Protein backbone atom coordinates (compact mmCIF):
# COMPACT_ATOMS: atom_id res chain seq x y z
CA MET A 1 11.87 46.72 -16.04
CA VAL A 2 12.87 43.10 -16.60
CA SER A 3 9.36 42.05 -17.63
CA THR A 4 9.18 44.99 -20.06
CA VAL A 5 12.45 43.93 -21.68
CA ASN A 6 11.27 40.31 -21.81
CA ASN A 7 7.97 41.39 -23.41
CA LEU A 8 9.89 43.31 -26.07
CA ILE A 9 12.12 40.30 -26.72
CA VAL A 10 9.08 38.01 -27.04
CA LYS A 11 7.46 40.46 -29.50
CA GLU A 12 10.66 40.51 -31.55
CA LEU A 13 10.83 36.71 -31.52
CA VAL A 14 7.18 36.44 -32.56
CA GLN A 15 7.85 38.71 -35.53
CA ARG A 16 10.93 36.69 -36.46
CA TYR A 17 9.37 33.24 -36.11
CA GLN A 18 5.90 34.02 -37.44
CA GLY A 19 6.86 34.05 -41.12
CA THR A 20 9.31 31.19 -40.76
CA ARG A 21 8.30 27.88 -42.28
CA ASN A 22 11.53 26.06 -41.41
CA CYS A 23 12.91 26.29 -37.91
CA LEU A 24 14.78 23.67 -35.88
CA VAL A 25 15.78 23.49 -32.23
CA VAL A 26 19.25 22.20 -31.41
CA GLY A 27 20.94 21.44 -28.13
CA TYR A 28 24.44 22.86 -27.92
CA GLN A 29 25.63 21.92 -24.46
CA GLY A 30 29.32 21.01 -24.50
CA ILE A 31 30.20 22.70 -27.79
CA LYS A 32 33.37 24.77 -27.65
CA SER A 33 33.26 28.38 -28.80
CA LEU A 34 35.60 27.71 -31.77
CA GLU A 35 33.28 24.93 -32.95
CA THR A 36 30.30 27.25 -32.57
CA ASN A 37 32.06 29.88 -34.66
CA GLU A 38 32.78 27.32 -37.39
CA LEU A 39 29.17 26.18 -37.31
CA ARG A 40 27.78 29.71 -37.50
CA LYS A 41 30.16 30.58 -40.35
CA ASP A 42 28.99 27.55 -42.36
CA LEU A 43 25.35 28.29 -41.60
CA ARG A 44 25.72 31.89 -42.78
CA THR A 45 27.04 30.73 -46.16
CA LYS A 46 23.79 28.76 -46.58
CA ASN A 47 21.58 31.65 -45.44
CA ILE A 48 20.77 29.86 -42.17
CA HIS A 49 20.58 31.83 -38.93
CA MET A 50 21.24 30.38 -35.47
CA GLU A 51 20.36 32.21 -32.29
CA VAL A 52 20.52 31.35 -28.64
CA VAL A 53 17.40 32.49 -26.79
CA LYS A 54 16.12 31.83 -23.30
CA ASN A 55 13.83 28.81 -23.44
CA THR A 56 11.06 30.58 -21.54
CA LEU A 57 11.05 33.52 -23.96
CA ALA A 58 11.17 31.25 -27.01
CA SER A 59 8.32 29.17 -25.52
CA LEU A 60 6.20 32.29 -25.08
CA ALA A 61 6.91 33.37 -28.65
CA PHE A 62 6.08 29.94 -30.08
CA GLU A 63 2.93 29.80 -27.98
CA GLU A 64 1.84 33.16 -29.32
CA ILE A 65 2.14 31.94 -32.93
CA SER A 66 0.29 28.69 -32.14
CA LEU A 67 3.32 26.39 -32.13
CA THR A 68 2.85 25.19 -28.56
CA ASP A 69 4.42 21.79 -29.31
CA MET A 70 7.76 23.53 -29.78
CA LYS A 71 7.85 24.07 -26.00
CA ASN A 72 8.60 20.35 -25.56
CA LEU A 73 11.81 20.71 -27.57
CA LEU A 74 13.13 23.61 -25.48
CA GLU A 75 14.82 21.65 -22.70
CA GLY A 76 18.35 22.48 -21.61
CA PRO A 77 20.61 24.87 -23.51
CA SER A 78 18.87 25.33 -26.85
CA ALA A 79 19.41 27.34 -29.98
CA ILE A 80 16.85 28.17 -32.63
CA VAL A 81 18.02 27.62 -36.20
CA ILE A 82 16.01 29.35 -38.90
CA GLY A 83 16.55 28.06 -42.39
CA PRO A 84 16.09 29.02 -46.00
CA ILE A 85 13.14 28.23 -48.23
CA ASP A 86 14.46 24.72 -48.90
CA PRO A 87 14.01 22.67 -45.71
CA VAL A 88 16.31 19.92 -47.04
CA VAL A 89 19.29 22.29 -46.94
CA LEU A 90 18.53 23.11 -43.30
CA ALA A 91 18.08 19.46 -42.31
CA LYS A 92 21.15 18.25 -44.23
CA THR A 93 23.38 20.94 -42.78
CA LEU A 94 22.39 20.36 -39.17
CA VAL A 95 22.48 16.56 -39.41
CA GLU A 96 25.96 16.74 -40.99
CA TRP A 97 27.16 19.07 -38.24
CA SER A 98 25.66 16.86 -35.54
CA LYS A 99 27.75 13.99 -36.91
CA LYS A 100 30.91 16.15 -36.83
CA MET A 101 30.09 17.50 -33.36
CA PRO A 102 28.30 14.93 -31.21
CA SER A 103 27.53 17.67 -28.67
CA LEU A 104 25.20 19.30 -31.19
CA LYS A 105 21.82 17.59 -30.84
CA VAL A 106 19.04 18.24 -33.33
CA LYS A 107 15.86 18.01 -31.25
CA GLY A 108 13.21 18.70 -33.90
CA GLY A 109 11.28 21.74 -35.02
CA VAL A 110 8.98 23.07 -37.69
CA ILE A 111 9.37 22.11 -41.34
CA GLU A 112 7.00 23.64 -43.87
CA GLY A 113 4.76 24.71 -40.99
CA ARG A 114 4.52 21.21 -39.43
CA ILE A 115 6.11 20.06 -36.16
CA VAL A 116 8.72 17.35 -36.78
CA SER A 117 10.89 15.16 -34.57
CA TYR A 118 14.58 14.37 -35.01
CA PRO A 119 13.96 11.10 -36.95
CA GLU A 120 11.86 13.06 -39.44
CA VAL A 121 14.60 15.69 -39.77
CA GLU A 122 17.15 12.93 -40.36
CA THR A 123 14.95 11.36 -43.05
CA LEU A 124 14.51 14.75 -44.68
CA SER A 125 18.28 15.26 -44.69
CA LYS A 126 18.68 12.20 -46.92
CA LEU A 127 16.48 13.66 -49.66
CA PRO A 128 17.87 15.66 -52.56
CA SER A 129 17.33 19.42 -52.46
CA LYS A 130 14.36 21.08 -54.19
CA PRO A 131 16.28 22.07 -57.35
CA VAL A 132 17.54 18.50 -57.75
CA LEU A 133 14.01 17.11 -57.22
CA TYR A 134 12.61 19.57 -59.77
CA THR A 135 15.25 18.49 -62.28
CA GLN A 136 14.45 14.83 -61.67
CA MET A 137 10.73 15.51 -62.11
CA VAL A 138 11.27 17.40 -65.36
CA THR A 139 13.48 14.60 -66.64
CA LEU A 140 10.86 12.00 -65.74
CA LEU A 141 8.14 14.03 -67.41
CA GLN A 142 10.29 14.76 -70.43
CA SER A 143 11.25 11.12 -71.12
CA PRO A 144 7.77 9.91 -72.09
CA LEU A 145 7.16 13.07 -74.12
CA SER A 146 10.36 12.70 -76.14
CA LEU A 147 9.56 9.01 -76.66
CA LEU A 148 6.08 9.97 -77.86
CA ALA A 149 7.54 12.56 -80.22
CA ARG A 150 9.95 9.99 -81.69
CA THR A 151 7.16 7.43 -82.01
CA LEU A 152 4.88 9.90 -83.77
CA SER A 153 7.62 11.10 -86.11
CA ALA A 154 8.80 7.57 -87.03
CA PRO A 155 5.98 6.88 -89.53
CA LEU A 156 6.64 10.24 -91.20
CA TYR A 157 10.35 9.45 -91.39
CA ASN A 158 9.58 6.01 -92.80
CA LEU A 159 7.10 7.51 -95.30
CA ARG A 160 9.79 9.95 -96.38
CA GLY A 161 12.13 7.02 -96.96
CA VAL A 162 9.51 5.18 -99.04
CA ILE A 163 8.82 8.29 -101.12
CA GLU A 164 12.58 8.83 -101.68
CA ALA A 165 13.00 5.19 -102.73
CA PHE A 166 9.99 5.43 -105.07
CA LYS A 167 11.38 8.68 -106.53
CA ASN A 168 14.81 7.09 -107.06
CA LYS A 169 13.21 4.07 -108.69
CA LYS A 170 11.19 6.28 -111.05
CA GLU A 171 14.29 8.31 -111.89
CA LYS A 172 16.21 5.12 -112.71
CA GLU A 173 13.32 3.85 -114.86
CA SER A 174 13.04 7.13 -116.72
CA THR A 175 16.83 7.27 -117.37
CA SER A 176 16.90 3.65 -118.47
CA THR A 177 13.97 4.09 -120.88
CA THR A 178 15.23 7.39 -122.32
CA GLY A 179 18.89 6.49 -122.29
CA GLY A 180 18.73 2.96 -123.45
């Protein structure tokens, strides 16, 4: 009976983790239940899900989806944290919480389908989020284009000024010869 239940749990975990591109393992030993509730509440607002699973069952699930290196992170009381599409949000959130609660230890995980260690997660947490990066890229791309547009339109603007001045000069000449 127990092995049947465990097999069902592993199948469920495989289904849950298989499509996940961003998943981190955290150690939670020593965290009080009120702190855990606060953490979970904050994670939910960011569409991040945290679950406590037996290490052996999580190891089997990760092994089945070819993430065998994740087994090394599953030592001691561990929780699996599954994040949104933007891995920076996941990394930032957990690193911030680990600073607030020293008992929460980010061990590493999978980011964009690649196994990462804690130092890599910490580095990722210092980056701006995807929307901010996209905005910065668009701004960088837009700057040379707007400069090019101004540079190309400057001769036309100058030519317009020359034509206006020439027209004004001709008008003055024609009024001075007809009027005077």
